[in-house]
Structures are given as C-alpha cells and as structure tokens.
Amino acid sequence: MHYDVFNGDADGIIALLQLRLASPKQTQLITGVKRDIKLIDKLDLTTQDSLTVLDVSMAKNMDGLLAALEKGIDVFYADHHQSGDIPTNPTLEAHIDLDANTCTALIIDKLLAGQYHLWAITAAYGDNLIAVADDLADAQGLTLEQKEQLKELGTLINYNGYGAKVDDLHYHPADLYQALTKYASPFDVIADTQSPYYTLKDAYQTDMDQALSIEAKYRSDKLGLFELPNNAASRRISGVYGNLLANQSPDSAHAVLTENADGSYTVSLRAPLSNKQGAGDICIQFETGGGRAAAAGINRLAKEDVDTFIRTVEEFYP
C-alpha cells in the first residue's frame, strides 16, 4: 500500500494535487483538520508499504518517520515546517525548506519544473504568501482579475481545513482533494458552477461576517488579539481571519483565540508581515504549541495564561 499523508489545508492539498496530476497513483489518503499533524503515527505500516508525506512537521512526526525508516520503507517527504534533525537514510527523500517565503506546494512546483504552476500559485495565496504569489502571478502574465480569483480559491481551500474536528468542516480534506483532482487548472474549478468553490465561497462569507463583527479583546502597537466564541463557524474562520488581519496591519502581530469546550483557547498567531519570524518560536513555548516562522498556533491555552501569551508576543517583537 502507498499512503499519501498530507495536511488538510490549501498547501497540503495542492501539494499532493500537483504530484498526483503529474504521477497518478492508487493510494490511501491520510489527512484531517489543519492542526491534525501527527499523521504518520496513525499508520500500521508493513515493509511492503511506501509513503508520501506533505506539509506536516517532520519534528512532530519523527517517531513515526523513524519507525517507518527502520522497516526499510521508502518515504518521500516535503515540507516547510519545523523539521528537527533530518534523518540520514537511503530510503528517505527529504525536501525541507524552512524559508518563511515558501510553502510545500512551491517546493513541489520546483520539483515538477512548474508543470502545474497555477495550482502552486493558488496554494501560495492560500498559505498567505500574498507578495510571493503576486510576483509569481505577474511573471505568468496574469491579470488582476485572475490573481484575485486564484487568491480567493486558495483562501477558500485553506478555510475549509480549520476546525477542532472534521465535523466542523464543510468537506473532509480527503474529499475536497479528490474533488479537485479532476481539474488540471484552478481556473477550471472556478469555471465549473458545480465545483466546491461555490459552496465554500458562500459559507466563508457567512463565517467571516460573524468574525468581523467582533471587537479586539486586546490591542497595542505590537499585537492585535481577538476572541471568537465557541462554535463551528469560529473554528472554521480562525486561520483565514488571522491572515486577513495580518494583511490589514502588516507591522503588527495578530492572534485569534477561539474558545474550546473546556474553557481553554485554540490560538492562531500570525507574525507581522513586515517581520515574518517568531510565530513558531513563541507558540512552541506553550505545551500544545508549534508552527512556523510566519504562522503558528496553540491547541489549548488556559485562560489564565493569556496574559503570559500576550507578554511573550510583545517581548519577542522589539
């Protein structure tokens, strides 16, 4: 059995989409909500299996990865999150790039020599690499309208990945990936009125309107912090809402707190776009935190630790 293991956000889905459009293969899909990243551990692997792993932190999957490599399993791994020490093993092909201005789909795009470049641009937009995506789109000669279309599609695919559980989502990420595999170009998705684009577009606007009606819980020149209520709409919109806030005020960090059923918060943190570093370093200081330089999160932050979180963010950025 070959397993395709991938993050359920725009970057993970589109990275795999490019690979399988270029090299179709019968595989078992392993994915989940965006924060469900310890995916290799879920597999009961045999020596006859093989793995493709995309857009999930190698550091968070190290135990599962090492177990697979000990069995002699071939592993193709591409990612831009924290990796830890990359194992040296003849059955591991690792393409890890921690640059804050790249994403997994762009790593795959390079490996495929731009075969599905428009999809890679869409993923970059979805991963909030707006300036990078704009430059790539301009190099392709895309019009302003076409750029906005790819940005919206990438944002919508990314929006679908956020939730505490799959039931929060409009599409299971595996189902969304499979629905997109019939489109060689992202513009084909937009042209098809029966595609997931239209379902997600309507749902996104409803959820975003709720978020935009909420005032900041805390604001300084270094951080804007917003608290969303405990409901599925909040969990769905939290990440892309954080991206929107970051783009509106690029010199400030932004945190979106979504209340969990146990009274704690799920945190989405965005580094200032003008200084895309530190988000992962900040969040990893908290027990359930992690991420990358530009964007990171904490799965459970106790309410009594919010002040500590605010202080940690503000002390990081001078």
C-alpha atoms as a PDB file:
ATOM      1  CA  MET A   1       0.000   0.000   0.000  1.00  0.00           C
ATOM      2  CA  HIS A   2       1.164   3.516  -0.770  1.00  0.00           C
ATOM      3  CA  TYR A   3      -0.012   6.189   1.660  1.00  0.00           C
ATOM      4  CA  ASP A   4      -0.375   9.869   0.764  1.00  0.00           C
ATOM      5  CA  VAL A   5      -0.094  11.712   4.079  1.00  0.00           C
ATOM      6  CA  PHE A   6      -0.885  15.427   3.885  1.00  0.00           C
ATOM      7  CA  ASN A   7      -2.092  18.458   5.783  1.00  0.00           C
ATOM      8  CA  GLY A   8      -5.765  19.249   5.241  1.00  0.00           C
ATOM      9  CA  ASP A   9      -5.146  22.900   4.355  1.00  0.00           C
ATOM     10  CA  ALA A  10      -4.620  24.535   0.949  1.00  0.00           C
ATOM     11  CA  ASP A  11      -0.878  23.939   0.923  1.00  0.00           C
ATOM     12  CA  GLY A  12      -1.093  20.247   1.771  1.00  0.00           C
ATOM     13  CA  ILE A  13      -3.996  19.530  -0.572  1.00  0.00           C
ATOM     14  CA  ILE A  14      -2.491  21.405  -3.520  1.00  0.00           C
ATOM     15  CA  ALA A  15       0.987  19.978  -2.981  1.00  0.00           C
ATOM     16  CA  LEU A  16      -0.485  16.484  -3.313  1.00  0.00           C
ATOM     17  CA  LEU A  17      -2.741  17.577  -6.165  1.00  0.00           C
ATOM     18  CA  GLN A  18       0.285  18.638  -8.217  1.00  0.00           C
ATOM     19  CA  LEU A  19       2.100  15.376  -7.516  1.00  0.00           C
ATOM     20  CA  ARG A  20      -0.810  13.159  -8.455  1.00  0.00           C
ATOM     21  CA  LEU A  21      -1.748  15.161 -11.538  1.00  0.00           C
ATOM     22  CA  ALA A  22       1.837  14.604 -12.682  1.00  0.00           C
ATOM     23  CA  SER A  23       2.096  10.988 -11.434  1.00  0.00           C
ATOM     24  CA  PRO A  24      -1.283   9.318 -10.876  1.00  0.00           C
ATOM     25  CA  LYS A  25      -1.190   6.507  -8.329  1.00  0.00           C
ATOM     26  CA  GLN A  26      -3.615   4.391  -6.335  1.00  0.00           C
ATOM     27  CA  THR A  27      -3.063   5.473  -2.743  1.00  0.00           C
ATOM     28  CA  GLN A  28      -4.614   5.564   0.703  1.00  0.00           C
ATOM     29  CA  LEU A  29      -5.267   9.171   1.768  1.00  0.00           C
ATOM     30  CA  ILE A  30      -4.294  10.131   5.330  1.00  0.00           C
ATOM     31  CA  THR A  31      -5.276  13.638   6.403  1.00  0.00           C
ATOM     32  CA  GLY A  32      -7.509  15.596   8.774  1.00  0.00           C
ATOM     33  CA  VAL A  33      -8.135  19.087  10.065  1.00  0.00           C
ATOM     34  CA  LYS A  34      -5.281  21.540   9.686  1.00  0.00           C
ATOM     35  CA  ARG A  35      -3.987  21.070  13.220  1.00  0.00           C
ATOM     36  CA  ASP A  36      -4.078  17.275  12.977  1.00  0.00           C
ATOM     37  CA  ILE A  37      -0.423  16.898  12.036  1.00  0.00           C
ATOM     38  CA  LYS A  38       0.870  13.771  13.828  1.00  0.00           C
ATOM     39  CA  LEU A  39      -0.346  11.669  10.950  1.00  0.00           C
ATOM     40  CA  ILE A  40       2.349   9.037  10.403  1.00  0.00           C
ATOM     41  CA  ASP A  41       1.746   7.641  13.889  1.00  0.00           C
ATOM     42  CA  LYS A  42      -1.757   6.643  12.783  1.00  0.00           C
ATOM     43  CA  LEU A  43      -0.455   4.124  10.237  1.00  0.00           C
ATOM     44  CA  ASP A  44       0.070   0.418  10.794  1.00  0.00           C
ATOM     45  CA  LEU A  45       2.892   0.036   8.297  1.00  0.00           C
ATOM     46  CA  THR A  46       4.424  -3.094   6.797  1.00  0.00           C
ATOM     47  CA  THR A  47       7.717  -3.461   4.966  1.00  0.00           C
ATOM     48  CA  GLN A  48       5.808  -3.529   1.658  1.00  0.00           C
ATOM     49  CA  ASP A  49       4.342  -0.047   2.139  1.00  0.00           C
ATOM     50  CA  SER A  50       5.602   3.347   0.972  1.00  0.00           C
ATOM     51  CA  LEU A  51       4.843   6.918   1.996  1.00  0.00           C
ATOM     52  CA  THR A  52       4.491  10.396   0.577  1.00  0.00           C
ATOM     53  CA  VAL A  53       4.320  12.990   3.375  1.00  0.00           C
ATOM     54  CA  LEU A  54       3.444  16.602   2.622  1.00  0.00           C
ATOM     55  CA  ASP A  55       3.116  19.776   4.659  1.00  0.00           C
ATOM     56  CA  VAL A  56       3.290  18.302   8.159  1.00  0.00           C
ATOM     57  CA  SER A  57       6.168  18.990  10.529  1.00  0.00           C
ATOM     58  CA  MET A  58       8.849  16.319  10.436  1.00  0.00           C
ATOM     59  CA  ALA A  59       9.699  17.150  14.044  1.00  0.00           C
ATOM     60  CA  LYS A  60       6.117  16.338  15.104  1.00  0.00           C
ATOM     61  CA  ASN A  61       6.176  13.087  13.094  1.00  0.00           C
ATOM     62  CA  MET A  62       9.699  11.963  13.941  1.00  0.00           C
ATOM     63  CA  ASP A  63       8.715   8.857  15.922  1.00  0.00           C
ATOM     64  CA  GLY A  64       6.515   7.588  13.122  1.00  0.00           C
ATOM     65  CA  LEU A  65       9.065   8.507  10.472  1.00  0.00           C
ATOM     66  CA  LEU A  66      11.914   6.716  12.237  1.00  0.00           C
ATOM     67  CA  ALA A  67       9.747   3.631  12.728  1.00  0.00           C
ATOM     68  CA  ALA A  68       8.948   3.608   9.002  1.00  0.00           C
ATOM     69  CA  LEU A  69      12.591   4.028   8.039  1.00  0.00           C
ATOM     70  CA  GLU A  70      13.630   1.199  10.370  1.00  0.00           C
ATOM     71  CA  LYS A  71      11.330  -1.069   8.357  1.00  0.00           C
ATOM     72  CA  GLY A  72      13.064  -0.024   5.149  1.00  0.00           C
ATOM     73  CA  ILE A  73      10.005   1.844   3.875  1.00  0.00           C
ATOM     74  CA  ASP A  74      10.542   4.367   1.070  1.00  0.00           C
ATOM     75  CA  VAL A  75       9.488   7.840   2.231  1.00  0.00           C
ATOM     76  CA  PHE A  76       9.162  10.987   0.124  1.00  0.00           C
ATOM     77  CA  TYR A  77       8.869  13.973   2.470  1.00  0.00           C
ATOM     78  CA  ALA A  78       8.323  17.625   1.501  1.00  0.00           C
ATOM     79  CA  ASP A  79       7.574  20.373   3.993  1.00  0.00           C
ATOM     80  CA  HIS A  80       8.335  23.891   5.245  1.00  0.00           C
ATOM     81  CA  HIS A  81       7.614  23.479   8.984  1.00  0.00           C
ATOM     82  CA  GLN A  82       9.947  22.626  11.851  1.00  0.00           C
ATOM     83  CA  SER A  83      11.927  19.541  10.896  1.00  0.00           C
ATOM     84  CA  GLY A  84      14.302  18.809  13.744  1.00  0.00           C
ATOM     85  CA  ASP A  85      17.372  16.841  12.691  1.00  0.00           C
ATOM     86  CA  ILE A  86      16.558  15.254   9.342  1.00  0.00           C
ATOM     87  CA  PRO A  87      17.440  11.537   9.429  1.00  0.00           C
ATOM     88  CA  THR A  88      20.107  10.300   7.062  1.00  0.00           C
ATOM     89  CA  ASN A  89      18.671   7.194   5.479  1.00  0.00           C
ATOM     90  CA  PRO A  90      18.821   5.797   1.930  1.00  0.00           C
ATOM     91  CA  THR A  91      15.049   5.249   1.845  1.00  0.00           C
ATOM     92  CA  LEU A  92      14.228   8.853   2.799  1.00  0.00           C
ATOM     93  CA  GLU A  93      13.949  11.538   0.110  1.00  0.00           C
ATOM     94  CA  ALA A  94      13.518  14.787   2.025  1.00  0.00           C
ATOM     95  CA  HIS A  95      12.794  18.196   0.542  1.00  0.00           C
ATOM     96  CA  ILE A  96      12.629  20.562   3.516  1.00  0.00           C
ATOM     97  CA  ASP A  97      12.768  24.339   3.132  1.00  0.00           C
ATOM     98  CA  LEU A  98      12.116  26.458   6.219  1.00  0.00           C
ATOM     99  CA  ASP A  99      12.207  29.804   4.406  1.00  0.00           C
ATOM    100  CA  ALA A 100       9.292  31.955   5.594  1.00  0.00           C
ATOM    101  CA  ASN A 101       8.520  32.861   1.988  1.00  0.00           C
ATOM    102  CA  THR A 102       7.893  29.379   0.684  1.00  0.00           C
ATOM    103  CA  CYS A 103       5.349  26.618   1.181  1.00  0.00           C
ATOM    104  CA  THR A 104       5.153  22.915   0.412  1.00  0.00           C
ATOM    105  CA  ALA A 105       3.274  23.401  -2.855  1.00  0.00           C
ATOM    106  CA  LEU A 106       6.049  25.707  -4.078  1.00  0.00           C
ATOM    107  CA  ILE A 107       8.631  23.081  -3.135  1.00  0.00           C
ATOM    108  CA  ILE A 108       6.697  20.535  -5.209  1.00  0.00           C
ATOM    109  CA  ASP A 109       6.314  23.105  -8.005  1.00  0.00           C
ATOM    110  CA  LYS A 110      10.104  23.331  -8.293  1.00  0.00           C
ATOM    111  CA  LEU A 111      10.483  19.555  -8.324  1.00  0.00           C
ATOM    112  CA  LEU A 112       7.918  19.357 -11.139  1.00  0.00           C
ATOM    113  CA  ALA A 113       9.535  22.222 -13.062  1.00  0.00           C
ATOM    114  CA  GLY A 114       6.330  24.262 -12.898  1.00  0.00           C
ATOM    115  CA  GLN A 115       4.142  21.648 -14.567  1.00  0.00           C
ATOM    116  CA  TYR A 116       1.094  22.810 -12.574  1.00  0.00           C
ATOM    117  CA  HIS A 117       2.359  26.257 -11.725  1.00  0.00           C
ATOM    118  CA  LEU A 118      -1.066  27.912 -11.481  1.00  0.00           C
ATOM    119  CA  TRP A 119      -2.003  25.454  -8.745  1.00  0.00           C
ATOM    120  CA  ALA A 120       1.216  26.283  -6.885  1.00  0.00           C
ATOM    121  CA  ILE A 121       0.395  29.994  -7.075  1.00  0.00           C
ATOM    122  CA  THR A 122      -3.068  29.238  -5.696  1.00  0.00           C
ATOM    123  CA  ALA A 123      -1.506  27.382  -2.765  1.00  0.00           C
ATOM    124  CA  ALA A 124       0.848  30.292  -2.052  1.00  0.00           C
ATOM    125  CA  TYR A 125      -2.139  32.624  -1.900  1.00  0.00           C
ATOM    126  CA  GLY A 126      -3.933  30.164   0.378  1.00  0.00           C
ATOM    127  CA  ASP A 127      -0.922  29.984   2.689  1.00  0.00           C
ATOM    128  CA  ASN A 128      -0.972  33.807   2.928  1.00  0.00           C
ATOM    129  CA  LEU A 129       2.220  34.261   0.919  1.00  0.00           C
ATOM    130  CA  ILE A 130       0.482  37.091  -0.900  1.00  0.00           C
ATOM    131  CA  ALA A 131       3.555  39.010  -2.087  1.00  0.00           C
ATOM    132  CA  VAL A 132       5.238  35.800  -3.260  1.00  0.00           C
ATOM    133  CA  ALA A 133       2.095  34.678  -5.091  1.00  0.00           C
ATOM    134  CA  ASP A 134       1.620  38.114  -6.669  1.00  0.00           C
ATOM    135  CA  ASP A 135       5.183  38.052  -8.020  1.00  0.00           C
ATOM    136  CA  LEU A 136       4.713  34.562  -9.450  1.00  0.00           C
ATOM    137  CA  ALA A 137       1.369  35.537 -10.957  1.00  0.00           C
ATOM    138  CA  ASP A 138       2.849  38.683 -12.502  1.00  0.00           C
ATOM    139  CA  ALA A 139       5.653  36.600 -14.020  1.00  0.00           C
ATOM    140  CA  GLN A 140       2.949  34.430 -15.603  1.00  0.00           C
ATOM    141  CA  GLY A 141       1.262  37.495 -17.065  1.00  0.00           C
ATOM    142  CA  LEU A 142      -1.957  37.009 -15.110  1.00  0.00           C
ATOM    143  CA  THR A 143      -4.426  39.873 -14.993  1.00  0.00           C
ATOM    144  CA  LEU A 144      -5.526  41.496 -11.746  1.00  0.00           C
ATOM    145  CA  GLU A 145      -8.858  39.668 -12.033  1.00  0.00           C
ATOM    146  CA  GLN A 146      -7.119  36.317 -12.481  1.00  0.00           C
ATOM    147  CA  LYS A 147      -4.880  36.994  -9.482  1.00  0.00           C
ATOM    148  CA  GLU A 148      -7.905  37.781  -7.337  1.00  0.00           C
ATOM    149  CA  GLN A 149      -9.591  34.572  -8.481  1.00  0.00           C
ATOM    150  CA  LEU A 150      -6.603  32.440  -7.510  1.00  0.00           C
ATOM    151  CA  LYS A 151      -6.292  34.271  -4.199  1.00  0.00           C
ATOM    152  CA  GLU A 152      -9.930  33.628  -3.385  1.00  0.00           C
ATOM    153  CA  LEU A 153      -9.769  29.954  -4.352  1.00  0.00           C
ATOM    154  CA  GLY A 154      -6.611  29.406  -2.292  1.00  0.00           C
ATOM    155  CA  THR A 155      -8.181  31.160   0.672  1.00  0.00           C
ATOM    156  CA  LEU A 156     -11.343  29.060   0.412  1.00  0.00           C
ATOM    157  CA  ILE A 157      -9.442  25.757   0.260  1.00  0.00           C
ATOM    158  CA  ASN A 158      -7.420  26.874   3.279  1.00  0.00           C
ATOM    159  CA  TYR A 159     -10.552  27.990   5.129  1.00  0.00           C
ATOM    160  CA  ASN A 160     -12.018  24.513   4.762  1.00  0.00           C
ATOM    161  CA  GLY A 161      -9.151  22.966   6.739  1.00  0.00           C
ATOM    162  CA  TYR A 162      -9.770  24.763  10.021  1.00  0.00           C
ATOM    163  CA  GLY A 163     -11.789  23.114  12.761  1.00  0.00           C
ATOM    164  CA  ALA A 164     -11.433  21.194  16.007  1.00  0.00           C
ATOM    165  CA  LYS A 165     -12.750  18.072  14.269  1.00  0.00           C
ATOM    166  CA  VAL A 166     -13.678  17.009  10.764  1.00  0.00           C
ATOM    167  CA  ASP A 167     -17.374  17.562  11.534  1.00  0.00           C
ATOM    168  CA  ASP A 168     -16.641  21.305  11.767  1.00  0.00           C
ATOM    169  CA  LEU A 169     -15.553  21.364   8.125  1.00  0.00           C
ATOM    170  CA  HIS A 170     -17.674  21.692   5.010  1.00  0.00           C
ATOM    171  CA  TYR A 171     -15.632  18.982   3.268  1.00  0.00           C
ATOM    172  CA  HIS A 172     -13.393  16.282   4.663  1.00  0.00           C
ATOM    173  CA  PRO A 173      -9.962  17.337   3.308  1.00  0.00           C
ATOM    174  CA  ALA A 174      -9.580  13.973   1.541  1.00  0.00           C
ATOM    175  CA  ASP A 175     -12.930  14.509  -0.187  1.00  0.00           C
ATOM    176  CA  LEU A 176     -12.006  18.062  -1.172  1.00  0.00           C
ATOM    177  CA  TYR A 177      -8.682  16.847  -2.575  1.00  0.00           C
ATOM    178  CA  GLN A 178     -10.430  14.146  -4.596  1.00  0.00           C
ATOM    179  CA  ALA A 179     -12.990  16.640  -5.905  1.00  0.00           C
ATOM    180  CA  LEU A 180     -10.167  18.891  -7.120  1.00  0.00           C
ATOM    181  CA  THR A 181      -8.215  16.142  -8.890  1.00  0.00           C
ATOM    182  CA  LYS A 182     -10.428  16.408 -11.969  1.00  0.00           C
ATOM    183  CA  TYR A 183      -9.274  19.990 -12.598  1.00  0.00           C
ATOM    184  CA  ALA A 184      -5.903  20.486 -14.324  1.00  0.00           C
ATOM    185  CA  SER A 185      -6.121  24.226 -13.665  1.00  0.00           C
ATOM    186  CA  PRO A 186      -7.572  26.236 -10.779  1.00  0.00           C
ATOM    187  CA  PHE A 187      -9.425  28.331 -13.345  1.00  0.00           C
ATOM    188  CA  ASP A 188     -11.309  25.173 -14.340  1.00  0.00           C
ATOM    189  CA  VAL A 189     -12.595  24.917 -10.754  1.00  0.00           C
ATOM    190  CA  ILE A 190     -13.903  28.464 -10.878  1.00  0.00           C
ATOM    191  CA  ALA A 191     -15.495  27.902 -14.280  1.00  0.00           C
ATOM    192  CA  ASP A 192     -17.452  24.877 -13.018  1.00  0.00           C
ATOM    193  CA  THR A 193     -20.540  26.121 -11.187  1.00  0.00           C
ATOM    194  CA  GLN A 194     -20.910  22.687  -9.537  1.00  0.00           C
ATOM    195  CA  SER A 195     -17.412  22.749  -8.016  1.00  0.00           C
ATOM    196  CA  PRO A 196     -16.640  23.091  -4.273  1.00  0.00           C
ATOM    197  CA  TYR A 197     -15.547  26.677  -4.928  1.00  0.00           C
ATOM    198  CA  TYR A 198     -19.130  27.937  -4.837  1.00  0.00           C
ATOM    199  CA  THR A 199     -20.153  26.050  -1.702  1.00  0.00           C
ATOM    200  CA  LEU A 200     -17.087  27.306   0.150  1.00  0.00           C
ATOM    201  CA  LYS A 201     -17.488  30.861  -1.142  1.00  0.00           C
ATOM    202  CA  ASP A 202     -20.956  31.247   0.365  1.00  0.00           C
ATOM    203  CA  ALA A 203     -20.008  29.581   3.657  1.00  0.00           C
ATOM    204  CA  TYR A 204     -16.843  31.645   4.003  1.00  0.00           C
ATOM    205  CA  GLN A 205     -18.686  34.926   3.687  1.00  0.00           C
ATOM    206  CA  THR A 206     -21.202  33.945   6.374  1.00  0.00           C
ATOM    207  CA  ASP A 207     -18.469  32.920   8.820  1.00  0.00           C
ATOM    208  CA  MET A 208     -16.295  35.942   8.067  1.00  0.00           C
ATOM    209  CA  ASP A 209     -19.178  38.364   8.645  1.00  0.00           C
ATOM    210  CA  GLN A 210     -19.527  36.934  12.166  1.00  0.00           C
ATOM    211  CA  ALA A 211     -15.821  37.352  12.893  1.00  0.00           C
ATOM    212  CA  LEU A 212     -15.685  40.904  11.552  1.00  0.00           C
ATOM    213  CA  SER A 213     -18.463  41.952  13.932  1.00  0.00           C
ATOM    214  CA  ILE A 214     -16.253  41.249  16.984  1.00  0.00           C
ATOM    215  CA  GLU A 215     -14.095  43.986  18.526  1.00  0.00           C
ATOM    216  CA  ALA A 216     -10.486  43.375  19.558  1.00  0.00           C
ATOM    217  CA  LYS A 217     -10.046  41.919  23.052  1.00  0.00           C
ATOM    218  CA  TYR A 218      -6.585  43.479  23.284  1.00  0.00           C
ATOM    219  CA  ARG A 219      -4.682  45.843  21.033  1.00  0.00           C
ATOM    220  CA  SER A 220      -1.274  47.512  21.151  1.00  0.00           C
ATOM    221  CA  ASP A 221       1.195  48.665  18.523  1.00  0.00           C
ATOM    222  CA  LYS A 222       2.717  45.149  18.581  1.00  0.00           C
ATOM    223  CA  LEU A 223      -0.306  42.862  18.844  1.00  0.00           C
ATOM    224  CA  GLY A 224      -3.978  42.694  17.997  1.00  0.00           C
ATOM    225  CA  LEU A 225      -5.827  39.908  19.831  1.00  0.00           C
ATOM    226  CA  PHE A 226      -9.363  38.801  19.001  1.00  0.00           C
ATOM    227  CA  GLU A 227     -11.557  36.280  20.838  1.00  0.00           C
ATOM    228  CA  LEU A 228     -14.146  34.250  18.924  1.00  0.00           C
ATOM    229  CA  PRO A 229     -16.982  32.303  20.571  1.00  0.00           C
ATOM    230  CA  ASN A 230     -17.138  28.526  20.943  1.00  0.00           C
ATOM    231  CA  ASN A 231     -18.891  27.460  17.745  1.00  0.00           C
ATOM    232  CA  ALA A 232     -18.049  25.709  14.479  1.00  0.00           C
ATOM    233  CA  ALA A 233     -18.085  28.949  12.485  1.00  0.00           C
ATOM    234  CA  SER A 234     -15.367  30.410  14.711  1.00  0.00           C
ATOM    235  CA  ARG A 235     -13.221  27.302  14.394  1.00  0.00           C
ATOM    236  CA  ARG A 236     -13.579  27.359  10.619  1.00  0.00           C
ATOM    237  CA  ILE A 237     -12.760  31.027  10.146  1.00  0.00           C
ATOM    238  CA  SER A 238      -9.989  31.485  12.738  1.00  0.00           C
ATOM    239  CA  GLY A 239      -6.995  30.888  10.496  1.00  0.00           C
ATOM    240  CA  VAL A 240      -8.059  32.827   7.422  1.00  0.00           C
ATOM    241  CA  TYR A 241      -9.372  35.595   9.691  1.00  0.00           C
ATOM    242  CA  GLY A 242      -5.899  35.811  11.202  1.00  0.00           C
ATOM    243  CA  ASN A 243      -4.459  36.094   7.704  1.00  0.00           C
ATOM    244  CA  LEU A 244      -6.908  38.877   6.865  1.00  0.00           C
ATOM    245  CA  LEU A 245      -5.927  40.811   9.990  1.00  0.00           C
ATOM    246  CA  ALA A 246      -2.233  40.358   9.187  1.00  0.00           C
ATOM    247  CA  ASN A 247      -2.706  41.764   5.703  1.00  0.00           C
ATOM    248  CA  GLN A 248      -4.692  44.730   7.015  1.00  0.00           C
ATOM    249  CA  SER A 249      -1.997  45.707   9.574  1.00  0.00           C
ATOM    250  CA  PRO A 250       1.322  44.261   8.326  1.00  0.00           C
ATOM    251  CA  ASP A 251       3.504  45.817  11.046  1.00  0.00           C
ATOM    252  CA  SER A 252       1.668  44.117  13.927  1.00  0.00           C
ATOM    253  CA  ALA A 253       1.351  40.532  15.120  1.00  0.00           C
ATOM    254  CA  HIS A 254      -2.180  39.131  15.360  1.00  0.00           C
ATOM    255  CA  ALA A 255      -3.700  36.390  17.473  1.00  0.00           C
ATOM    256  CA  VAL A 256      -7.140  34.854  17.100  1.00  0.00           C
ATOM    257  CA  LEU A 257      -8.388  32.980  20.176  1.00  0.00           C
ATOM    258  CA  THR A 258     -11.260  30.549  19.756  1.00  0.00           C
ATOM    259  CA  GLU A 259     -12.875  29.284  22.940  1.00  0.00           C
ATOM    260  CA  ASN A 260     -12.826  25.495  23.382  1.00  0.00           C
ATOM    261  CA  ALA A 261     -15.479  23.428  25.140  1.00  0.00           C
ATOM    262  CA  ASP A 262     -13.219  23.020  28.197  1.00  0.00           C
ATOM    263  CA  GLY A 263     -12.799  26.789  28.599  1.00  0.00           C
ATOM    264  CA  SER A 264      -9.321  26.936  27.109  1.00  0.00           C
ATOM    265  CA  TYR A 265      -8.462  28.644  23.830  1.00  0.00           C
ATOM    266  CA  THR A 266      -7.222  27.490  20.462  1.00  0.00           C
ATOM    267  CA  VAL A 267      -4.770  30.148  19.272  1.00  0.00           C
ATOM    268  CA  SER A 268      -3.831  31.161  15.735  1.00  0.00           C
ATOM    269  CA  LEU A 269      -0.842  33.518  15.730  1.00  0.00           C
ATOM    270  CA  ARG A 270       0.434  35.493  12.749  1.00  0.00           C
ATOM    271  CA  ALA A 271       3.791  37.246  12.800  1.00  0.00           C
ATOM    272  CA  PRO A 272       3.892  40.776  11.385  1.00  0.00           C
ATOM    273  CA  LEU A 273       4.063  40.544   7.596  1.00  0.00           C
ATOM    274  CA  SER A 274       6.843  43.134   7.701  1.00  0.00           C
ATOM    275  CA  ASN A 275       8.847  40.861  10.030  1.00  0.00           C
ATOM    276  CA  LYS A 276       7.845  37.269   9.250  1.00  0.00           C
ATOM    277  CA  GLN A 277       9.599  35.498  12.073  1.00  0.00           C
ATOM    278  CA  GLY A 278       8.984  34.225  15.554  1.00  0.00           C
ATOM    279  CA  ALA A 279       5.437  32.843  15.486  1.00  0.00           C
ATOM    280  CA  GLY A 280       6.613  29.233  15.809  1.00  0.00           C
ATOM    281  CA  ASP A 281       9.241  30.165  18.408  1.00  0.00           C
ATOM    282  CA  ILE A 282       6.582  31.903  20.503  1.00  0.00           C
ATOM    283  CA  CYS A 283       3.959  29.167  20.305  1.00  0.00           C
ATOM    284  CA  ILE A 284       6.340  26.302  20.986  1.00  0.00           C
ATOM    285  CA  GLN A 285       6.968  27.812  24.435  1.00  0.00           C
ATOM    286  CA  PHE A 286       3.457  26.651  25.326  1.00  0.00           C
ATOM    287  CA  GLU A 287       2.731  22.959  25.838  1.00  0.00           C
ATOM    288  CA  THR A 288       0.481  22.369  22.832  1.00  0.00           C
ATOM    289  CA  GLY A 289       2.048  24.987  20.562  1.00  0.00           C
ATOM    290  CA  GLY A 290       4.013  24.819  17.341  1.00  0.00           C
ATOM    291  CA  GLY A 291       4.188  26.081  13.779  1.00  0.00           C
ATOM    292  CA  ARG A 292       6.476  28.004  11.500  1.00  0.00           C
ATOM    293  CA  ALA A 293       8.093  31.439  11.472  1.00  0.00           C
ATOM    294  CA  ALA A 294       5.224  33.364   9.903  1.00  0.00           C
ATOM    295  CA  ALA A 295       2.224  31.459  11.277  1.00  0.00           C
ATOM    296  CA  ALA A 296       1.772  29.187  14.265  1.00  0.00           C
ATOM    297  CA  GLY A 297      -0.734  28.121  16.879  1.00  0.00           C
ATOM    298  CA  ILE A 298      -1.524  26.637  20.267  1.00  0.00           C
ATOM    299  CA  ASN A 299      -4.135  23.907  20.539  1.00  0.00           C
ATOM    300  CA  ARG A 300      -5.053  24.565  24.184  1.00  0.00           C
ATOM    301  CA  LEU A 301      -4.118  27.752  26.013  1.00  0.00           C
ATOM    302  CA  ALA A 302      -5.588  28.113  29.510  1.00  0.00           C
ATOM    303  CA  LYS A 303      -7.421  31.379  30.104  1.00  0.00           C
ATOM    304  CA  GLU A 304      -5.099  32.219  32.959  1.00  0.00           C
ATOM    305  CA  ASP A 305      -2.163  32.011  30.524  1.00  0.00           C
ATOM    306  CA  VAL A 306      -3.491  34.605  28.072  1.00  0.00           C
ATOM    307  CA  ASP A 307      -1.607  37.458  29.772  1.00  0.00           C
ATOM    308  CA  THR A 308       1.583  35.392  29.634  1.00  0.00           C
ATOM    309  CA  PHE A 309       0.970  34.762  25.934  1.00  0.00           C
ATOM    310  CA  ILE A 310       0.466  38.486  25.273  1.00  0.00           C
ATOM    311  CA  ARG A 311       3.644  39.340  27.172  1.00  0.00           C
ATOM    312  CA  THR A 312       5.610  36.663  25.305  1.00  0.00           C
ATOM    313  CA  VAL A 313       4.496  38.031  21.932  1.00  0.00           C
ATOM    314  CA  GLU A 314       5.235  41.630  22.812  1.00  0.00           C
ATOM    315  CA  GLU A 315       8.634  40.816  24.267  1.00  0.00           C
ATOM    316  CA  PHE A 316       9.612  38.969  21.090  1.00  0.00           C
ATOM    317  CA  TYR A 317       8.957  41.879  18.737  1.00  0.00           C
ATOM    318  CA  PRO A 318      11.024  44.984  19.528  1.00  0.00           C
END
